[in-house]
Amino acid sequence: MKFHAVIDVQLHPGIADPQGSTIERALPTLGFDGMSNVRAGKSIHLDIEAADAATAEAQLAEVCEKFLTNPVIEDAKISVVEVAGAN
């Protein structure tokens, strides 16, 4: 089966986020008030072939742990959706 996956990577709470801080400081100067607690991360989109969604998620969790994230400071949220009509 073919699945589309989105992996959202964010820093653990409490880890300094200089990119998020820079964005937060810039927002009021651009006329966007009332926004706070800005955190920046990354989003990775990919397609994966697997027997089922659970297998796809398990493979992606391993990829995150070994390659896409630094597990010491980052968390990954994995979303997997079956691609309609793909075999």
PDB file of N, CA and C in Angstrom:
ATOM      1  N   MET A   1       0.840  -1.175   0.000  1.00  0.00           N
ATOM      2  CA  MET A   1       0.000   0.000   0.000  1.00  0.00           C
ATOM      3  C   MET A   1       0.889   1.244   0.000  1.00  0.00           C
ATOM      4  N   LYS A   2       0.357   2.290  -0.575  1.00  0.00           N
ATOM      5  CA  LYS A   2       1.099   3.546  -0.630  1.00  0.00           C
ATOM      6  C   LYS A   2       0.456   4.547   0.323  1.00  0.00           C
ATOM      7  N   PHE A   3       1.301   5.235   1.075  1.00  0.00           N
ATOM      8  CA  PHE A   3       0.850   6.224   2.041  1.00  0.00           C
ATOM      9  C   PHE A   3       1.571   7.539   1.807  1.00  0.00           C
ATOM     10  N   HIS A   4       0.893   8.624   2.124  1.00  0.00           N
ATOM     11  CA  HIS A   4       1.541   9.940   2.158  1.00  0.00           C
ATOM     12  C   HIS A   4       1.747  10.265   3.630  1.00  0.00           C
ATOM     13  N   ALA A   5       2.943  10.714   3.951  1.00  0.00           N
ATOM     14  CA  ALA A   5       3.268  11.020   5.343  1.00  0.00           C
ATOM     15  C   ALA A   5       3.731  12.459   5.474  1.00  0.00           C
ATOM     16  N   VAL A   6       3.382  13.039   6.608  1.00  0.00           N
ATOM     17  CA  VAL A   6       3.870  14.360   6.984  1.00  0.00           C
ATOM     18  C   VAL A   6       4.519  14.204   8.352  1.00  0.00           C
ATOM     19  N   ILE A   7       5.758  14.644   8.442  1.00  0.00           N
ATOM     20  CA  ILE A   7       6.497  14.588   9.701  1.00  0.00           C
ATOM     21  C   ILE A   7       6.754  16.023  10.136  1.00  0.00           C
ATOM     22  N   ASP A   8       6.185  16.400  11.274  1.00  0.00           N
ATOM     23  CA  ASP A   8       6.384  17.736  11.839  1.00  0.00           C
ATOM     24  C   ASP A   8       7.391  17.624  12.967  1.00  0.00           C
ATOM     25  N   VAL A   9       8.483  18.372  12.852  1.00  0.00           N
ATOM     26  CA  VAL A   9       9.558  18.329  13.841  1.00  0.00           C
ATOM     27  C   VAL A   9       9.589  19.655  14.590  1.00  0.00           C
ATOM     28  N   GLN A  10       9.574  19.568  15.913  1.00  0.00           N
ATOM     29  CA  GLN A  10       9.621  20.746  16.783  1.00  0.00           C
ATOM     30  C   GLN A  10      10.648  20.505  17.878  1.00  0.00           C
ATOM     31  N   LEU A  11      11.216  21.590  18.374  1.00  0.00           N
ATOM     32  CA  LEU A  11      12.109  21.491  19.521  1.00  0.00           C
ATOM     33  C   LEU A  11      11.300  21.114  20.757  1.00  0.00           C
ATOM     34  N   HIS A  12      11.921  20.364  21.671  1.00  0.00           N
ATOM     35  CA  HIS A  12      11.274  20.047  22.949  1.00  0.00           C
ATOM     36  C   HIS A  12      10.928  21.354  23.663  1.00  0.00           C
ATOM     37  N   PRO A  13       9.844  21.370  24.447  1.00  0.00           N
ATOM     38  CA  PRO A  13       9.558  22.546  25.281  1.00  0.00           C
ATOM     39  C   PRO A  13      10.758  22.828  26.188  1.00  0.00           C
ATOM     40  N   GLY A  14      11.072  24.094  26.343  1.00  0.00           N
ATOM     41  CA  GLY A  14      12.194  24.485  27.190  1.00  0.00           C
ATOM     42  C   GLY A  14      13.512  24.627  26.452  1.00  0.00           C
ATOM     43  N   ILE A  15      13.592  24.108  25.227  1.00  0.00           N
ATOM     44  CA  ILE A  15      14.807  24.271  24.418  1.00  0.00           C
ATOM     45  C   ILE A  15      14.721  25.626  23.726  1.00  0.00           C
ATOM     46  N   ALA A  16      15.795  26.407  23.808  1.00  0.00           N
ATOM     47  CA  ALA A  16      15.811  27.730  23.170  1.00  0.00           C
ATOM     48  C   ALA A  16      15.536  27.598  21.680  1.00  0.00           C
ATOM     49  N   ASP A  17      14.694  28.496  21.173  1.00  0.00           N
ATOM     50  CA  ASP A  17      14.307  28.491  19.756  1.00  0.00           C
ATOM     51  C   ASP A  17      14.618  29.865  19.179  1.00  0.00           C
ATOM     52  N   PRO A  18      15.876  30.117  18.764  1.00  0.00           N
ATOM     53  CA  PRO A  18      16.239  31.444  18.269  1.00  0.00           C
ATOM     54  C   PRO A  18      15.449  31.871  17.030  1.00  0.00           C
ATOM     55  N   GLN A  19      15.121  30.930  16.157  1.00  0.00           N
ATOM     56  CA  GLN A  19      14.344  31.283  14.963  1.00  0.00           C
ATOM     57  C   GLN A  19      12.936  31.729  15.366  1.00  0.00           C
ATOM     58  N   GLY A  20      12.307  30.994  16.275  1.00  0.00           N
ATOM     59  CA  GLY A  20      10.986  31.381  16.761  1.00  0.00           C
ATOM     60  C   GLY A  20      11.014  32.730  17.458  1.00  0.00           C
ATOM     61  N   SER A  21      12.061  32.982  18.246  1.00  0.00           N
ATOM     62  CA  SER A  21      12.203  34.267  18.949  1.00  0.00           C
ATOM     63  C   SER A  21      12.353  35.421  17.969  1.00  0.00           C
ATOM     64  N   THR A  22      13.120  35.212  16.914  1.00  0.00           N
ATOM     65  CA  THR A  22      13.307  36.244  15.896  1.00  0.00           C
ATOM     66  C   THR A  22      11.987  36.558  15.208  1.00  0.00           C
ATOM     67  N   ILE A  23      11.230  35.536  14.870  1.00  0.00           N
ATOM     68  CA  ILE A  23       9.922  35.740  14.241  1.00  0.00           C
ATOM     69  C   ILE A  23       9.003  36.498  15.196  1.00  0.00           C
ATOM     70  N   GLU A  24       8.991  36.088  16.463  1.00  0.00           N
ATOM     71  CA  GLU A  24       8.121  36.731  17.449  1.00  0.00           C
ATOM     72  C   GLU A  24       8.450  38.211  17.610  1.00  0.00           C
ATOM     73  N   ARG A  25       9.737  38.555  17.639  1.00  0.00           N
ATOM     74  CA  ARG A  25      10.129  39.957  17.762  1.00  0.00           C
ATOM     75  C   ARG A  25       9.779  40.767  16.518  1.00  0.00           C
ATOM     76  N   ALA A  26       9.787  40.139  15.353  1.00  0.00           N
ATOM     77  CA  ALA A  26       9.523  40.845  14.103  1.00  0.00           C
ATOM     78  C   ALA A  26       8.032  41.099  13.861  1.00  0.00           C
ATOM     79  N   LEU A  27       7.179  40.257  14.377  1.00  0.00           N
ATOM     80  CA  LEU A  27       5.745  40.366  14.086  1.00  0.00           C
ATOM     81  C   LEU A  27       5.154  41.735  14.406  1.00  0.00           C
ATOM     82  N   PRO A  28       5.383  42.309  15.606  1.00  0.00           N
ATOM     83  CA  PRO A  28       4.790  43.625  15.892  1.00  0.00           C
ATOM     84  C   PRO A  28       5.308  44.729  14.969  1.00  0.00           C
ATOM     85  N   THR A  29       6.573  44.629  14.564  1.00  0.00           N
ATOM     86  CA  THR A  29       7.110  45.661  13.673  1.00  0.00           C
ATOM     87  C   THR A  29       6.482  45.584  12.283  1.00  0.00           C
ATOM     88  N   LEU A  30       5.900  44.435  11.967  1.00  0.00           N
ATOM     89  CA  LEU A  30       5.221  44.261  10.681  1.00  0.00           C
ATOM     90  C   LEU A  30       3.711  44.478  10.796  1.00  0.00           C
ATOM     91  N   GLY A  31       3.260  44.898  11.982  1.00  0.00           N
ATOM     92  CA  GLY A  31       1.849  45.205  12.173  1.00  0.00           C
ATOM     93  C   GLY A  31       1.011  44.035  12.660  1.00  0.00           C
ATOM     94  N   PHE A  32       1.651  42.962  13.099  1.00  0.00           N
ATOM     95  CA  PHE A  32       0.931  41.793  13.592  1.00  0.00           C
ATOM     96  C   PHE A  32       1.081  41.727  15.106  1.00  0.00           C
ATOM     97  N   ASP A  33       0.071  42.223  15.821  1.00  0.00           N
ATOM     98  CA  ASP A  33       0.117  42.256  17.273  1.00  0.00           C
ATOM     99  C   ASP A  33      -0.636  41.063  17.867  1.00  0.00           C
ATOM    100  N   GLY A  34      -0.362  40.812  19.140  1.00  0.00           N
ATOM    101  CA  GLY A  34      -1.099  39.792  19.872  1.00  0.00           C
ATOM    102  C   GLY A  34      -0.629  38.367  19.634  1.00  0.00           C
ATOM    103  N   MET A  35       0.532  38.183  19.024  1.00  0.00           N
ATOM    104  CA  MET A  35       1.039  36.831  18.778  1.00  0.00           C
ATOM    105  C   MET A  35       2.228  36.585  19.706  1.00  0.00           C
ATOM    106  N   SER A  36       2.237  35.401  20.331  1.00  0.00           N
ATOM    107  CA  SER A  36       3.320  35.091  21.259  1.00  0.00           C
ATOM    108  C   SER A  36       3.608  33.595  21.247  1.00  0.00           C
ATOM    109  N   ASN A  37       4.638  33.220  21.984  1.00  0.00           N
ATOM    110  CA  ASN A  37       5.049  31.813  22.092  1.00  0.00           C
ATOM    111  C   ASN A  37       5.303  31.181  20.723  1.00  0.00           C
ATOM    112  N   VAL A  38       5.983  31.911  19.859  1.00  0.00           N
ATOM    113  CA  VAL A  38       6.273  31.435  18.512  1.00  0.00           C
ATOM    114  C   VAL A  38       7.369  30.368  18.582  1.00  0.00           C
ATOM    115  N   ARG A  39       7.125  29.237  17.954  1.00  0.00           N
ATOM    116  CA  ARG A  39       8.102  28.162  17.847  1.00  0.00           C
ATOM    117  C   ARG A  39       8.237  27.829  16.371  1.00  0.00           C
ATOM    118  N   ALA A  40       9.451  27.690  15.897  1.00  0.00           N
ATOM    119  CA  ALA A  40       9.698  27.328  14.503  1.00  0.00           C
ATOM    120  C   ALA A  40      10.127  25.872  14.445  1.00  0.00           C
ATOM    121  N   GLY A  41       9.790  25.208  13.372  1.00  0.00           N
ATOM    122  CA  GLY A  41      10.171  23.813  13.196  1.00  0.00           C
ATOM    123  C   GLY A  41      10.335  23.510  11.726  1.00  0.00           C
ATOM    124  N   LYS A  42      10.211  22.238  11.399  1.00  0.00           N
ATOM    125  CA  LYS A  42      10.298  21.845   9.990  1.00  0.00           C
ATOM    126  C   LYS A  42       9.237  20.795   9.710  1.00  0.00           C
ATOM    127  N   SER A  43       8.819  20.744   8.464  1.00  0.00           N
ATOM    128  CA  SER A  43       7.808  19.801   8.022  1.00  0.00           C
ATOM    129  C   SER A  43       8.366  19.025   6.835  1.00  0.00           C
ATOM    130  N   ILE A  44       8.297  17.716   6.908  1.00  0.00           N
ATOM    131  CA  ILE A  44       8.823  16.844   5.854  1.00  0.00           C
ATOM    132  C   ILE A  44       7.657  16.038   5.300  1.00  0.00           C
ATOM    133  N   HIS A  45       7.469  16.108   3.985  1.00  0.00           N
ATOM    134  CA  HIS A  45       6.399  15.376   3.310  1.00  0.00           C
ATOM    135  C   HIS A  45       7.040  14.305   2.439  1.00  0.00           C
ATOM    136  N   LEU A  46       6.469  13.096   2.470  1.00  0.00           N
ATOM    137  CA  LEU A  46       7.010  12.021   1.633  1.00  0.00           C
ATOM    138  C   LEU A  46       5.964  10.943   1.417  1.00  0.00           C
ATOM    139  N   ASP A  47       6.201  10.097   0.425  1.00  0.00           N
ATOM    140  CA  ASP A  47       5.366   8.931   0.169  1.00  0.00           C
ATOM    141  C   ASP A  47       6.154   7.693   0.577  1.00  0.00           C
ATOM    142  N   ILE A  48       5.446   6.689   1.093  1.00  0.00           N
ATOM    143  CA  ILE A  48       6.085   5.468   1.565  1.00  0.00           C
ATOM    144  C   ILE A  48       5.223   4.272   1.197  1.00  0.00           C
ATOM    145  N   GLU A  49       5.868   3.200   0.789  1.00  0.00           N
ATOM    146  CA  GLU A  49       5.193   1.921   0.529  1.00  0.00           C
ATOM    147  C   GLU A  49       5.345   1.072   1.778  1.00  0.00           C
ATOM    148  N   ALA A  50       4.229   0.535   2.266  1.00  0.00           N
ATOM    149  CA  ALA A  50       4.257  -0.333   3.446  1.00  0.00           C
ATOM    150  C   ALA A  50       3.030  -1.231   3.442  1.00  0.00           C
ATOM    151  N   ALA A  51       3.081  -2.297   4.229  1.00  0.00           N
ATOM    152  CA  ALA A  51       1.972  -3.248   4.294  1.00  0.00           C
ATOM    153  C   ALA A  51       0.712  -2.609   4.862  1.00  0.00           C
ATOM    154  N   ASP A  52       0.888  -1.698   5.847  1.00  0.00           N
ATOM    155  CA  ASP A  52      -0.247  -1.027   6.467  1.00  0.00           C
ATOM    156  C   ASP A  52       0.245   0.263   7.126  1.00  0.00           C
ATOM    157  N   ALA A  53      -0.701   1.041   7.643  1.00  0.00           N
ATOM    158  CA  ALA A  53      -0.362   2.339   8.235  1.00  0.00           C
ATOM    159  C   ALA A  53       0.547   2.187   9.448  1.00  0.00           C
ATOM    160  N   ALA A  54       0.301   1.169  10.267  1.00  0.00           N
ATOM    161  CA  ALA A  54       1.128   0.967  11.469  1.00  0.00           C
ATOM    162  C   ALA A  54       2.580   0.674  11.090  1.00  0.00           C
ATOM    163  N   THR A  55       2.769  -0.125  10.052  1.00  0.00           N
ATOM    164  CA  THR A  55       4.127  -0.433   9.590  1.00  0.00           C
ATOM    165  C   THR A  55       4.798   0.821   9.042  1.00  0.00           C
ATOM    166  N   ALA A  56       4.048   1.615   8.287  1.00  0.00           N
ATOM    167  CA  ALA A  56       4.596   2.863   7.744  1.00  0.00           C
ATOM    168  C   ALA A  56       5.016   3.786   8.878  1.00  0.00           C
ATOM    169  N   GLU A  57       4.166   3.932   9.895  1.00  0.00           N
ATOM    170  CA  GLU A  57       4.496   4.802  11.032  1.00  0.00           C
ATOM    171  C   GLU A  57       5.720   4.299  11.777  1.00  0.00           C
ATOM    172  N   ALA A  58       5.834   2.993  11.953  1.00  0.00           N
ATOM    173  CA  ALA A  58       6.991   2.425  12.649  1.00  0.00           C
ATOM    174  C   ALA A  58       8.275   2.687  11.872  1.00  0.00           C
ATOM    175  N   GLN A  59       8.229   2.515  10.552  1.00  0.00           N
ATOM    176  CA  GLN A  59       9.416   2.782   9.725  1.00  0.00           C
ATOM    177  C   GLN A  59       9.800   4.258   9.796  1.00  0.00           C
ATOM    178  N   LEU A  60       8.798   5.123   9.734  1.00  0.00           N
ATOM    179  CA  LEU A  60       9.072   6.562   9.778  1.00  0.00           C
ATOM    180  C   LEU A  60       9.592   6.995  11.148  1.00  0.00           C
ATOM    181  N   ALA A  61       9.103   6.377  12.206  1.00  0.00           N
ATOM    182  CA  ALA A  61       9.616   6.684  13.542  1.00  0.00           C
ATOM    183  C   ALA A  61      11.102   6.340  13.626  1.00  0.00           C
ATOM    184  N   GLU A  62      11.488   5.225  13.028  1.00  0.00           N
ATOM    185  CA  GLU A  62      12.899   4.840  13.022  1.00  0.00           C
ATOM    186  C   GLU A  62      13.735   5.817  12.191  1.00  0.00           C
ATOM    187  N   VAL A  63      13.188   6.239  11.042  1.00  0.00           N
ATOM    188  CA  VAL A  63      13.888   7.230  10.211  1.00  0.00           C
ATOM    189  C   VAL A  63      14.077   8.531  10.992  1.00  0.00           C
ATOM    190  N   CYS A  64      13.044   8.943  11.717  1.00  0.00           N
ATOM    191  CA  CYS A  64      13.145  10.166  12.524  1.00  0.00           C
ATOM    192  C   CYS A  64      14.235  10.033  13.577  1.00  0.00           C
ATOM    193  N   GLU A  65      14.226   8.900  14.270  1.00  0.00           N
ATOM    194  CA  GLU A  65      15.192   8.691  15.350  1.00  0.00           C
ATOM    195  C   GLU A  65      16.631   8.651  14.839  1.00  0.00           C
ATOM    196  N   LYS A  66      16.834   8.021  13.672  1.00  0.00           N
ATOM    197  CA  LYS A  66      18.194   7.822  13.164  1.00  0.00           C
ATOM    198  C   LYS A  66      18.689   8.928  12.242  1.00  0.00           C
ATOM    199  N   PHE A  67      17.751   9.714  11.637  1.00  0.00           N
ATOM    200  CA  PHE A  67      18.197  10.613  10.576  1.00  0.00           C
ATOM    201  C   PHE A  67      17.552  11.994  10.579  1.00  0.00           C
ATOM    202  N   LEU A  68      16.237  12.073  10.712  1.00  0.00           N
ATOM    203  CA  LEU A  68      15.544  13.344  10.495  1.00  0.00           C
ATOM    204  C   LEU A  68      15.492  14.256  11.706  1.00  0.00           C
ATOM    205  N   THR A  69      15.684  13.711  12.899  1.00  0.00           N
ATOM    206  CA  THR A  69      15.600  14.535  14.103  1.00  0.00           C
ATOM    207  C   THR A  69      16.798  14.290  15.007  1.00  0.00           C
ATOM    208  N   ASN A  70      16.977  15.209  15.933  1.00  0.00           N
ATOM    209  CA  ASN A  70      17.907  15.004  17.026  1.00  0.00           C
ATOM    210  C   ASN A  70      17.025  14.692  18.233  1.00  0.00           C
ATOM    211  N   PRO A  71      16.871  13.404  18.587  1.00  0.00           N
ATOM    212  CA  PRO A  71      15.938  13.028  19.648  1.00  0.00           C
ATOM    213  C   PRO A  71      16.244  13.665  21.009  1.00  0.00           C
ATOM    214  N   VAL A  72      17.431  14.161  21.185  1.00  0.00           N
ATOM    215  CA  VAL A  72      17.790  14.799  22.449  1.00  0.00           C
ATOM    216  C   VAL A  72      17.051  16.121  22.615  1.00  0.00           C
ATOM    217  N   ILE A  73      16.826  16.846  21.506  1.00  0.00           N
ATOM    218  CA  ILE A  73      16.218  18.174  21.598  1.00  0.00           C
ATOM    219  C   ILE A  73      14.948  18.345  20.767  1.00  0.00           C
ATOM    220  N   GLU A  74      14.595  17.344  19.940  1.00  0.00           N
ATOM    221  CA  GLU A  74      13.448  17.506  19.046  1.00  0.00           C
ATOM    222  C   GLU A  74      12.435  16.373  19.207  1.00  0.00           C
ATOM    223  N   ASP A  75      11.162  16.699  18.955  1.00  0.00           N
ATOM    224  CA  ASP A  75      10.071  15.733  18.878  1.00  0.00           C
ATOM    225  C   ASP A  75       9.575  15.683  17.438  1.00  0.00           C
ATOM    226  N   ALA A  76       9.085  14.528  17.028  1.00  0.00           N
ATOM    227  CA  ALA A  76       8.493  14.393  15.695  1.00  0.00           C
ATOM    228  C   ALA A  76       7.073  13.871  15.834  1.00  0.00           C
ATOM    229  N   LYS A  77       6.166  14.498  15.101  1.00  0.00           N
ATOM    230  CA  LYS A  77       4.782  14.030  15.021  1.00  0.00           C
ATOM    231  C   LYS A  77       4.587  13.500  13.605  1.00  0.00           C
ATOM    232  N   ILE A  78       4.177  12.252  13.491  1.00  0.00           N
ATOM    233  CA  ILE A  78       4.035  11.590  12.196  1.00  0.00           C
ATOM    234  C   ILE A  78       2.559  11.400  11.882  1.00  0.00           C
ATOM    235  N   SER A  79       2.149  11.847  10.696  1.00  0.00           N
ATOM    236  CA  SER A  79       0.792  11.629  10.206  1.00  0.00           C
ATOM    237  C   SER A  79       0.881  10.833   8.912  1.00  0.00           C
ATOM    238  N   VAL A  80       0.115   9.754   8.830  1.00  0.00           N
ATOM    239  CA  VAL A  80       0.145   8.875   7.660  1.00  0.00           C
ATOM    240  C   VAL A  80      -1.277   8.738   7.117  1.00  0.00           C
ATOM    241  N   VAL A  81      -1.433   8.929   5.800  1.00  0.00           N
ATOM    242  CA  VAL A  81      -2.729   8.794   5.135  1.00  0.00           C
ATOM    243  C   VAL A  81      -2.539   7.932   3.901  1.00  0.00           C
ATOM    244  N   GLU A  82      -3.408   6.945   3.738  1.00  0.00           N
ATOM    245  CA  GLU A  82      -3.332   6.084   2.559  1.00  0.00           C
ATOM    246  C   GLU A  82      -3.634   6.905   1.306  1.00  0.00           C
ATOM    247  N   VAL A  83      -2.848   6.669   0.266  1.00  0.00           N
ATOM    248  CA  VAL A  83      -3.055   7.348  -1.013  1.00  0.00           C
ATOM    249  C   VAL A  83      -4.148   6.587  -1.752  1.00  0.00           C
ATOM    250  N   ALA A  84      -5.250   7.271  -2.047  1.00  0.00           N
ATOM    251  CA  ALA A  84      -6.391   6.638  -2.706  1.00  0.00           C
ATOM    252  C   ALA A  84      -6.011   6.167  -4.099  1.00  0.00           C
ATOM    253  N   GLY A  85      -6.430   4.961  -4.424  1.00  0.00           N
ATOM    254  CA  GLY A  85      -6.219   4.421  -5.760  1.00  0.00           C
ATOM    255  C   GLY A  85      -4.818   3.910  -6.015  1.00  0.00           C
ATOM    256  N   ALA A  86      -3.923   3.966  -5.047  1.00  0.00           N
ATOM    257  CA  ALA A  86      -2.559   3.463  -5.242  1.00  0.00           C
ATOM    258  C   ALA A  86      -2.469   2.041  -4.706  1.00  0.00           C
ATOM    259  N   ASN A  87      -1.832   1.186  -5.467  1.00  0.00           N
ATOM    260  CA  ASN A  87      -1.629  -0.195  -5.019  1.00  0.00           C
ATOM    261  C   ASN A  87      -0.174  -0.505  -4.971  1.00  0.00           C
TER     262      ASN A  87
END
